[in-house]
Amino acid sequence: MRQLDTVIIGGGPAGLSAAVRLWEKGIRNLLILEREKQLGGILRQCIHDGFGLTRFGETLSGPEYAQRFISQVEEFDIPYITDTTVIDISVEEDTGKKKVVAASKDGLLEFEAKTVILTMGCRERTRGAISIPGERPAGVYTAGVAQAYINLQNKMVGREVVILGSGDIGMIMARRMTLEGAHVQAVFEVQPYASGLPRNILQCLDDYGIPLYLSHTVTEIRGRERLESVVVSQVDERMQPIKGTEKEYPCDTLILSVGLIPENELSLAAGVELDPRSKGAVVDEHHQTSVPGVFAAGNVLQVHDLVDFVSMEAEELADSVAAYMREDGLTPCGLSVVTDGNVTHTIPQRISGTEDFKLSMRVRRPMKDCRIELVQGGQVVAERRMKKAIPAEMIQIPVKAAKLNEKEDLEVKVVC
């Protein structure tokens, strides 16, 4: 069994960023484990631009953005193993040491580590997850799978396309399919507002004349061997289909962009507490989970709208891992972050009240002319005024330790 200081599970943008920062911090006995055959994660298939504006101050494609960190990993000679799937994480109660078991082409690999970094990313919700009734023909894809077929394998998935869900990947695929010669009839969204970024609505739908229908969903899939058509209905305020509004759209391809779920099976195996709101781990201001020495960042912690935020979050995590491995360790975090009904979740969920930190959050519904207040003991310790706040955009608010105390929980309120 190989002894390590840190095992990083996932070689995507979060894992790569954390590894590079740890190496720069002097932690050299580390290893990246990646289940794909190459490093880079989901960025390898994201050939569109728009990445890197926040992190590097220039616009890059997904592969270009990933290569910035892959090049550093190779320059520093940071060890990594690809084509290897981690199948279990366990923690010894007495010593606190973490055991990581992985399956590779060379058989089972076992590692013992002082710290484990979870950067596994997320997976897409499927047709089964949203229970669309009807037949089970070929031609129904999640947006990420369709993107991988076209961008990585150069295979066209269809010619007459309907897209369900206005997530960012779905809208980007609407543009991609159009550029490849397919006809995208429309994008349908069950919510009364779009779930993706406004810039993608403009650049991917409006610029190509692709209509977006809000409060609509697919209520039936028709076809035997291959998809022949879908039935779309309007929905009411309770997301229930309205009878009499059904309309059939002939098509050979249905692309689903209906949400992402953090990939947390390994987190559960390690005994990590999950937040039912974010679907990721409950973490403190150091990105440490409920299991000491196990840290999480990136889309496995919360779904991000920009990869730049993923990298910066992972770099903050790496700083905390380095501090954890020093003798002084990390400050205990005994205070909770509580929210009102206008907030879906926050990261972190626990704080110490003695250190600066950055609060990440999302609002539950679109709002205009609102003020986000962070309140402790009746005093506003930080706030942010916004002309508009939408669920698609993550909101980050820096909080200074000088305004905090160590005795009372932090409340997050949205005032409109």
Protein backbone atom coordinates (compact mmCIF):
# COMPACT_ATOMS: atom_id res chain seq x y z
CA MET A 1 0.00 0.00 0.00
CA ARG A 2 1.46 3.32 -1.10
CA GLN A 3 1.67 6.06 1.53
CA LEU A 4 0.75 9.58 0.38
CA ASP A 5 0.10 13.00 1.85
CA THR A 6 -2.78 13.74 -0.52
CA VAL A 7 -4.88 11.79 -3.00
CA ILE A 8 -6.85 13.91 -5.49
CA ILE A 9 -9.83 12.07 -6.98
CA GLY A 10 -10.62 13.59 -10.37
CA GLY A 11 -8.31 15.17 -12.94
CA GLY A 12 -10.66 17.86 -14.19
CA PRO A 13 -10.28 21.63 -13.67
CA ALA A 14 -10.75 21.40 -9.89
CA GLY A 15 -8.33 18.50 -9.36
CA LEU A 16 -5.68 20.01 -11.63
CA SER A 17 -5.89 23.43 -9.98
CA ALA A 18 -5.64 21.92 -6.50
CA ALA A 19 -2.65 19.77 -7.49
CA VAL A 20 -0.71 22.69 -8.97
CA ARG A 21 -1.37 24.92 -5.94
CA LEU A 22 -0.37 22.13 -3.50
CA TRP A 23 2.86 21.58 -5.41
CA GLU A 24 3.61 25.30 -5.22
CA LYS A 25 2.92 25.11 -1.47
CA GLY A 26 5.63 22.46 -1.11
CA ILE A 27 3.40 19.37 -0.80
CA ARG A 28 5.01 16.93 -3.20
CA ASN A 29 3.84 13.49 -2.01
CA LEU A 30 0.52 13.63 -3.85
CA LEU A 31 -1.28 11.78 -6.63
CA ILE A 32 -4.11 12.55 -9.07
CA LEU A 33 -6.46 9.69 -9.99
CA GLU A 34 -8.54 10.16 -13.16
CA ARG A 35 -11.01 7.63 -14.60
CA GLU A 36 -10.81 8.94 -18.19
CA LYS A 37 -7.86 8.21 -20.47
CA GLN A 38 -6.74 11.86 -20.39
CA LEU A 39 -6.66 14.68 -17.89
CA GLY A 40 -8.96 17.64 -18.36
CA GLY A 41 -12.38 16.36 -17.35
CA ILE A 42 -15.43 17.75 -19.13
CA LEU A 43 -13.37 20.59 -20.61
CA ARG A 44 -11.96 18.27 -23.29
CA GLN A 45 -15.31 18.27 -25.11
CA CYS A 46 -16.15 21.96 -24.54
CA ILE A 47 -14.59 23.32 -27.72
CA HIS A 48 -16.51 26.62 -27.58
CA ASP A 49 -14.81 29.69 -26.12
CA GLY A 50 -15.71 31.84 -23.13
CA PHE A 51 -13.49 30.16 -20.54
CA GLY A 52 -10.73 31.93 -18.62
CA LEU A 53 -11.97 35.54 -18.59
CA THR A 54 -11.94 35.69 -14.79
CA ARG A 55 -8.98 33.40 -14.07
CA PHE A 56 -6.62 34.41 -16.91
CA GLY A 57 -8.11 37.62 -18.26
CA GLU A 58 -8.55 36.20 -21.76
CA THR A 59 -11.10 34.04 -23.56
CA LEU A 60 -10.12 30.41 -24.15
CA SER A 61 -11.77 27.23 -25.36
CA GLY A 62 -12.31 24.40 -22.88
CA PRO A 63 -9.30 22.33 -24.06
CA GLU A 64 -7.11 25.46 -24.03
CA TYR A 65 -8.18 26.26 -20.48
CA ALA A 66 -7.50 22.70 -19.29
CA GLN A 67 -4.14 22.65 -21.06
CA ARG A 68 -2.94 25.62 -18.99
CA PHE A 69 -3.10 23.41 -15.90
CA ILE A 70 -2.11 20.15 -17.59
CA SER A 71 1.08 21.85 -18.79
CA GLN A 72 1.86 22.92 -15.22
CA VAL A 73 1.22 19.40 -13.96
CA GLU A 74 3.65 18.04 -16.53
CA GLU A 75 6.19 20.82 -15.90
CA PHE A 76 6.21 20.12 -12.14
CA ASP A 77 6.14 16.36 -12.85
CA ILE A 78 3.14 15.92 -10.57
CA PRO A 79 2.26 12.20 -10.54
CA TYR A 80 -1.09 11.12 -11.95
CA ILE A 81 -2.74 7.90 -13.08
CA THR A 82 -5.41 7.94 -15.80
CA ASP A 83 -7.88 5.24 -16.88
CA THR A 84 -8.31 4.44 -13.18
CA THR A 85 -11.59 4.45 -11.25
CA VAL A 86 -11.72 4.96 -7.50
CA ILE A 87 -14.21 2.46 -6.08
CA ASP A 88 -13.96 3.06 -2.34
CA ILE A 89 -12.80 5.52 0.31
CA SER A 90 -12.66 4.49 3.95
CA VAL A 91 -11.45 6.28 7.07
CA GLU A 92 -9.84 4.57 10.09
CA GLU A 93 -11.58 5.76 13.24
CA ASP A 94 -8.51 5.43 15.46
CA THR A 95 -5.84 7.04 13.29
CA GLY A 96 -7.94 9.13 10.92
CA LYS A 97 -5.96 7.78 7.95
CA LYS A 98 -7.81 7.49 4.66
CA LYS A 99 -7.67 4.39 2.50
CA VAL A 100 -8.41 4.81 -1.20
CA VAL A 101 -9.04 1.78 -3.43
CA ALA A 102 -8.98 2.16 -7.21
CA ALA A 103 -9.41 -0.19 -10.18
CA SER A 104 -7.00 0.17 -13.10
CA LYS A 105 -5.71 -1.86 -16.04
CA ASP A 106 -3.02 -3.15 -13.66
CA GLY A 107 -5.58 -4.40 -11.14
CA LEU A 108 -6.62 -2.99 -7.78
CA LEU A 109 -4.51 -0.16 -6.38
CA GLU A 110 -4.54 0.82 -2.69
CA PHE A 111 -3.35 4.09 -1.20
CA GLU A 112 -3.18 5.41 2.33
CA ALA A 113 -3.33 9.19 2.63
CA LYS A 114 -3.37 11.89 5.27
CA THR A 115 -5.85 13.92 3.20
CA VAL A 116 -8.25 13.21 0.36
CA ILE A 117 -9.49 15.85 -2.09
CA LEU A 118 -12.82 15.17 -3.77
CA THR A 119 -13.03 16.73 -7.25
CA MET A 120 -15.18 14.19 -9.11
CA GLY A 121 -17.41 16.73 -10.84
CA CYS A 122 -21.05 16.00 -11.59
CA ARG A 123 -23.25 13.91 -13.85
CA GLU A 124 -26.31 14.78 -15.93
CA ARG A 125 -29.89 14.07 -15.01
CA THR A 126 -31.36 11.59 -17.46
CA ARG A 127 -34.76 10.88 -18.96
CA GLY A 128 -35.42 8.43 -16.15
CA ALA A 129 -34.66 11.06 -13.53
CA ILE A 130 -37.46 13.30 -14.82
CA SER A 131 -39.82 10.43 -15.75
CA ILE A 132 -40.78 11.32 -19.33
CA PRO A 133 -43.43 8.77 -20.45
CA GLY A 134 -43.50 7.06 -23.83
CA GLU A 135 -41.49 4.63 -25.92
CA ARG A 136 -37.76 3.97 -25.56
CA PRO A 137 -36.37 4.59 -29.06
CA ALA A 138 -32.86 5.55 -30.11
CA GLY A 139 -32.25 9.27 -30.46
CA VAL A 140 -32.69 10.48 -26.89
CA TYR A 141 -29.43 11.92 -25.48
CA THR A 142 -28.32 14.03 -22.58
CA ALA A 143 -26.62 17.22 -23.77
CA GLY A 144 -23.19 16.16 -22.54
CA VAL A 145 -23.37 12.80 -24.33
CA ALA A 146 -24.41 14.48 -27.58
CA GLN A 147 -21.58 16.96 -27.15
CA ALA A 148 -19.06 14.15 -26.64
CA TYR A 149 -20.26 12.30 -29.77
CA ILE A 150 -19.93 15.39 -31.95
CA ASN A 151 -16.82 17.07 -30.51
CA LEU A 152 -14.72 14.06 -29.48
CA GLN A 153 -15.85 11.30 -31.85
CA ASN A 154 -16.97 13.38 -34.86
CA LYS A 155 -20.33 11.58 -35.01
CA MET A 156 -23.53 13.43 -35.86
CA VAL A 157 -26.37 12.46 -33.49
CA GLY A 158 -29.35 13.66 -35.57
CA ARG A 159 -30.81 16.09 -38.08
CA GLU A 160 -34.20 17.22 -36.72
CA VAL A 161 -33.71 18.23 -33.10
CA VAL A 162 -35.80 19.21 -30.09
CA ILE A 163 -34.06 20.30 -26.88
CA LEU A 164 -35.64 20.00 -23.43
CA GLY A 165 -34.12 22.23 -20.78
CA SER A 166 -32.41 25.59 -21.07
CA GLY A 167 -29.26 24.62 -19.20
CA ASP A 168 -26.03 26.06 -20.55
CA ILE A 169 -24.88 22.84 -22.24
CA GLY A 170 -28.30 22.45 -23.88
CA MET A 171 -28.20 25.94 -25.36
CA ILE A 172 -24.59 25.51 -26.47
CA MET A 173 -25.61 22.24 -28.17
CA ALA A 174 -28.47 24.05 -29.93
CA ARG A 175 -25.86 26.29 -31.55
CA ARG A 176 -23.47 23.40 -32.20
CA MET A 177 -26.12 21.27 -33.91
CA THR A 178 -27.16 24.23 -36.05
CA LEU A 179 -23.56 24.84 -37.11
CA GLU A 180 -23.27 21.16 -38.10
CA GLY A 181 -26.29 21.44 -40.39
CA ALA A 182 -29.07 20.11 -38.16
CA HIS A 183 -32.40 21.90 -37.69
CA VAL A 184 -33.13 22.75 -34.05
CA GLN A 185 -36.87 23.34 -33.81
CA ALA A 186 -36.96 24.84 -30.32
CA VAL A 187 -35.69 24.74 -26.75
CA PHE A 188 -38.38 23.99 -24.14
CA GLU A 189 -38.00 24.87 -20.44
CA VAL A 190 -40.37 23.70 -17.69
CA GLN A 191 -39.57 26.67 -15.45
CA PRO A 192 -41.04 30.13 -16.12
CA TYR A 193 -37.45 31.40 -16.53
CA ALA A 194 -34.34 30.15 -18.31
CA SER A 195 -31.95 28.03 -16.26
CA GLY A 196 -28.80 28.98 -18.18
CA LEU A 197 -26.70 32.12 -18.39
CA PRO A 198 -28.15 35.15 -20.23
CA ARG A 199 -25.12 35.32 -22.53
CA ASN A 200 -25.87 31.81 -23.79
CA ILE A 201 -29.48 32.71 -24.52
CA LEU A 202 -28.22 35.62 -26.63
CA GLN A 203 -25.27 33.92 -28.34
CA CYS A 204 -26.69 30.41 -28.81
CA LEU A 205 -30.42 30.93 -29.33
CA ASP A 206 -31.22 34.51 -30.32
CA ASP A 207 -28.30 34.81 -32.75
CA TYR A 208 -29.42 31.65 -34.57
CA GLY A 209 -33.17 32.24 -34.49
CA ILE A 210 -33.88 29.28 -32.21
CA PRO A 211 -37.05 29.86 -30.15
CA LEU A 212 -37.14 29.34 -26.37
CA TYR A 213 -40.48 28.31 -24.87
CA LEU A 214 -40.79 28.76 -21.11
CA SER A 215 -43.28 26.78 -18.95
CA HIS A 216 -43.27 23.93 -21.49
CA THR A 217 -42.12 20.32 -21.16
CA VAL A 218 -42.05 17.06 -23.11
CA THR A 219 -44.95 14.85 -22.02
CA GLU A 220 -44.53 11.93 -24.42
CA ILE A 221 -41.84 10.31 -26.56
CA ARG A 222 -42.98 8.49 -29.70
CA GLY A 223 -41.11 6.08 -31.95
CA ARG A 224 -40.17 2.41 -32.25
CA GLU A 225 -36.59 1.84 -33.38
CA ARG A 226 -35.77 5.56 -33.77
CA LEU A 227 -37.39 8.64 -32.25
CA GLU A 228 -40.18 9.87 -34.52
CA SER A 229 -41.74 12.74 -32.54
CA VAL A 230 -42.25 14.26 -29.11
CA VAL A 231 -45.38 15.75 -27.56
CA VAL A 232 -44.88 19.07 -25.76
CA SER A 233 -47.35 20.60 -23.29
CA GLN A 234 -47.58 23.82 -21.38
CA VAL A 235 -47.34 23.53 -17.59
CA ASP A 236 -49.05 25.42 -14.79
CA GLU A 237 -47.46 27.09 -11.75
CA ARG A 238 -47.16 23.65 -10.10
CA MET A 239 -45.23 22.29 -13.11
CA GLN A 240 -48.16 20.06 -14.09
CA PRO A 241 -49.06 19.66 -17.80
CA ILE A 242 -52.16 21.59 -18.88
CA LYS A 243 -54.63 19.42 -20.78
CA GLY A 244 -55.49 20.65 -24.25
CA THR A 245 -52.11 22.36 -24.84
CA GLU A 246 -50.38 19.31 -26.35
CA LYS A 247 -48.48 19.82 -29.60
CA GLU A 248 -46.54 17.19 -31.54
CA TYR A 249 -43.09 17.95 -32.97
CA PRO A 250 -41.71 15.46 -35.53
CA CYS A 251 -38.00 14.91 -34.83
CA ASP A 252 -35.31 12.24 -34.81
CA THR A 253 -33.34 13.59 -31.83
CA LEU A 254 -34.26 14.78 -28.34
CA ILE A 255 -31.48 16.38 -26.31
CA LEU A 256 -31.98 16.71 -22.55
CA SER A 257 -30.38 19.53 -20.58
CA VAL A 258 -32.32 19.15 -17.35
CA GLY A 259 -29.75 19.66 -14.63
CA LEU A 260 -26.56 18.32 -13.09
CA ILE A 261 -26.06 16.22 -9.97
CA PRO A 262 -22.76 16.25 -8.00
CA GLU A 263 -21.06 12.84 -8.22
CA ASN A 264 -21.03 11.99 -4.51
CA GLU A 265 -21.19 8.20 -4.23
CA LEU A 266 -17.57 8.12 -3.03
CA SER A 267 -18.31 10.94 -0.58
CA LEU A 268 -21.08 8.83 0.96
CA ALA A 269 -18.74 5.84 1.18
CA ALA A 270 -16.31 7.97 3.18
CA GLY A 271 -19.08 9.02 5.58
CA VAL A 272 -19.28 12.61 4.33
CA GLU A 273 -22.45 14.51 5.22
CA LEU A 274 -24.34 15.82 2.17
CA ASP A 275 -26.46 18.96 1.90
CA PRO A 276 -29.91 18.05 0.46
CA ARG A 277 -30.14 21.51 -1.10
CA SER A 278 -26.84 21.66 -3.01
CA LYS A 279 -26.59 17.84 -3.40
CA GLY A 280 -22.91 18.27 -2.50
CA ALA A 281 -20.95 17.93 0.72
CA VAL A 282 -21.48 20.08 3.78
CA VAL A 283 -18.21 22.02 4.13
CA ASP A 284 -16.71 24.71 6.31
CA GLU A 285 -14.88 27.85 5.21
CA HIS A 286 -11.78 25.71 4.55
CA HIS A 287 -13.70 23.42 2.15
CA GLN A 288 -13.29 20.60 4.66
CA THR A 289 -16.19 18.15 4.84
CA SER A 290 -17.70 16.60 7.97
CA VAL A 291 -14.86 14.02 7.84
CA PRO A 292 -11.59 15.62 9.04
CA GLY A 293 -8.97 15.55 6.31
CA VAL A 294 -11.45 15.09 3.47
CA PHE A 295 -11.95 18.20 1.34
CA ALA A 296 -14.24 18.98 -1.63
CA ALA A 297 -14.30 21.59 -4.39
CA GLY A 298 -15.65 22.14 -7.88
CA ASN A 299 -18.85 20.68 -9.28
CA VAL A 300 -18.83 17.78 -6.82
CA LEU A 301 -19.41 20.40 -4.11
CA GLN A 302 -21.82 22.69 -5.97
CA VAL A 303 -22.70 23.13 -9.64
CA HIS A 304 -20.80 26.13 -11.01
CA ASP A 305 -21.73 28.30 -13.97
CA LEU A 306 -18.11 29.30 -14.74
CA VAL A 307 -15.06 27.03 -14.73
CA ASP A 308 -12.96 29.98 -13.55
CA PHE A 309 -14.79 29.79 -10.20
CA VAL A 310 -14.07 26.05 -10.07
CA SER A 311 -10.32 26.65 -10.36
CA MET A 312 -10.27 29.46 -7.81
CA GLU A 313 -12.34 27.42 -5.36
CA ALA A 314 -9.92 24.48 -5.73
CA GLU A 315 -6.94 26.77 -5.13
CA GLU A 316 -8.56 28.02 -1.92
CA LEU A 317 -9.06 24.38 -0.93
CA ALA A 318 -5.38 23.63 -1.58
CA ASP A 319 -4.36 26.44 0.75
CA SER A 320 -6.53 24.86 3.45
CA VAL A 321 -5.09 21.39 2.84
CA ALA A 322 -1.59 22.80 3.26
CA ALA A 323 -2.65 24.48 6.52
CA TYR A 324 -4.31 21.24 7.71
CA MET A 325 -1.04 19.37 7.28
CA ARG A 326 0.89 21.91 9.34
CA GLU A 327 1.07 21.50 13.12
CA ASP A 328 -1.22 24.46 13.80
CA GLY A 329 -3.94 22.93 11.59
CA LEU A 330 -7.26 24.62 10.79
CA THR A 331 -9.53 26.72 12.97
CA PRO A 332 -12.58 24.73 14.19
CA CYS A 333 -15.85 25.86 12.57
CA GLY A 334 -18.75 25.64 14.97
CA LEU A 335 -21.13 28.23 13.55
CA SER A 336 -23.80 27.53 10.94
CA VAL A 337 -24.83 29.55 7.91
CA VAL A 338 -28.64 29.72 7.78
CA THR A 339 -30.74 31.08 4.91
CA ASP A 340 -34.21 32.40 4.19
CA GLY A 341 -36.58 30.98 1.59
CA ASN A 342 -35.10 33.03 -1.24
CA VAL A 343 -31.75 31.19 -1.16
CA THR A 344 -31.26 27.66 -2.47
CA HIS A 345 -27.96 26.94 -0.70
CA THR A 346 -24.69 28.45 0.46
CA ILE A 347 -21.05 27.37 0.44
CA PRO A 348 -19.73 27.13 3.12
CA GLN A 349 -22.41 25.85 5.47
CA ARG A 350 -20.19 26.23 8.55
CA ILE A 351 -17.79 28.99 9.62
CA SER A 352 -15.45 29.78 12.51
CA GLY A 353 -16.26 33.46 12.88
CA THR A 354 -12.53 34.24 13.14
CA GLU A 355 -11.32 34.17 9.52
CA ASP A 356 -12.04 35.92 6.22
CA PHE A 357 -14.01 33.79 3.78
CA LYS A 358 -16.02 34.01 0.57
CA LEU A 359 -19.68 33.04 0.63
CA SER A 360 -21.10 31.46 -2.56
CA MET A 361 -24.86 31.22 -3.02
CA ARG A 362 -27.72 31.08 -5.50
CA VAL A 363 -31.17 32.63 -5.31
CA ARG A 364 -34.24 30.44 -5.70
CA ARG A 365 -36.02 32.58 -8.31
CA PRO A 366 -35.27 35.64 -10.48
CA MET A 367 -35.43 38.91 -8.52
CA LYS A 368 -34.87 42.59 -9.31
CA ASP A 369 -33.51 45.46 -7.22
CA CYS A 370 -32.64 43.28 -4.25
CA ARG A 371 -30.15 43.44 -1.42
CA ILE A 372 -28.39 40.39 -0.01
CA GLU A 373 -27.57 40.81 3.66
CA LEU A 374 -25.32 38.67 5.83
CA VAL A 375 -26.46 39.20 9.40
CA GLN A 376 -24.91 38.07 12.67
CA GLY A 377 -26.37 39.03 16.03
CA GLY A 378 -28.69 41.53 14.38
CA GLN A 379 -25.80 43.35 12.72
CA VAL A 380 -25.19 43.37 8.96
CA VAL A 381 -21.61 42.13 8.50
CA ALA A 382 -21.65 42.13 4.68
CA GLU A 383 -24.08 42.97 1.91
CA ARG A 384 -24.41 43.18 -1.83
CA ARG A 385 -26.91 45.21 -3.82
CA MET A 386 -28.02 43.76 -7.15
CA LYS A 387 -30.20 45.15 -9.93
CA LYS A 388 -31.10 41.57 -10.78
CA ALA A 389 -30.35 38.14 -9.34
CA ILE A 390 -31.10 34.92 -11.22
CA PRO A 391 -30.69 31.23 -10.25
CA ALA A 392 -28.34 30.63 -13.20
CA GLU A 393 -25.63 32.93 -11.81
CA MET A 394 -23.65 32.14 -8.68
CA ILE A 395 -23.32 35.07 -6.29
CA GLN A 396 -20.13 35.49 -4.26
CA ILE A 397 -19.77 37.82 -1.30
CA PRO A 398 -16.45 38.35 0.58
CA VAL A 399 -16.78 38.47 4.37
CA LYS A 400 -14.17 40.02 6.68
CA ALA A 401 -13.33 38.37 9.99
CA ALA A 402 -13.12 41.78 11.69
CA LYS A 403 -16.91 42.10 11.43
CA LEU A 404 -17.68 38.59 12.71
CA ASN A 405 -17.97 37.07 16.18
CA GLU A 406 -17.45 33.51 17.37
CA LYS A 407 -20.78 33.06 19.14
CA GLU A 408 -23.70 33.49 16.74
CA ASP A 409 -24.75 31.82 13.50
CA LEU A 410 -24.63 33.77 10.24
CA GLU A 411 -27.98 34.52 8.55
CA VAL A 412 -28.31 35.11 4.80
CA LYS A 413 -31.31 37.27 3.85
CA VAL A 414 -32.54 38.56 0.49
CA VAL A 415 -34.42 41.84 0.76
CA CYS A 416 -36.35 43.13 -2.28
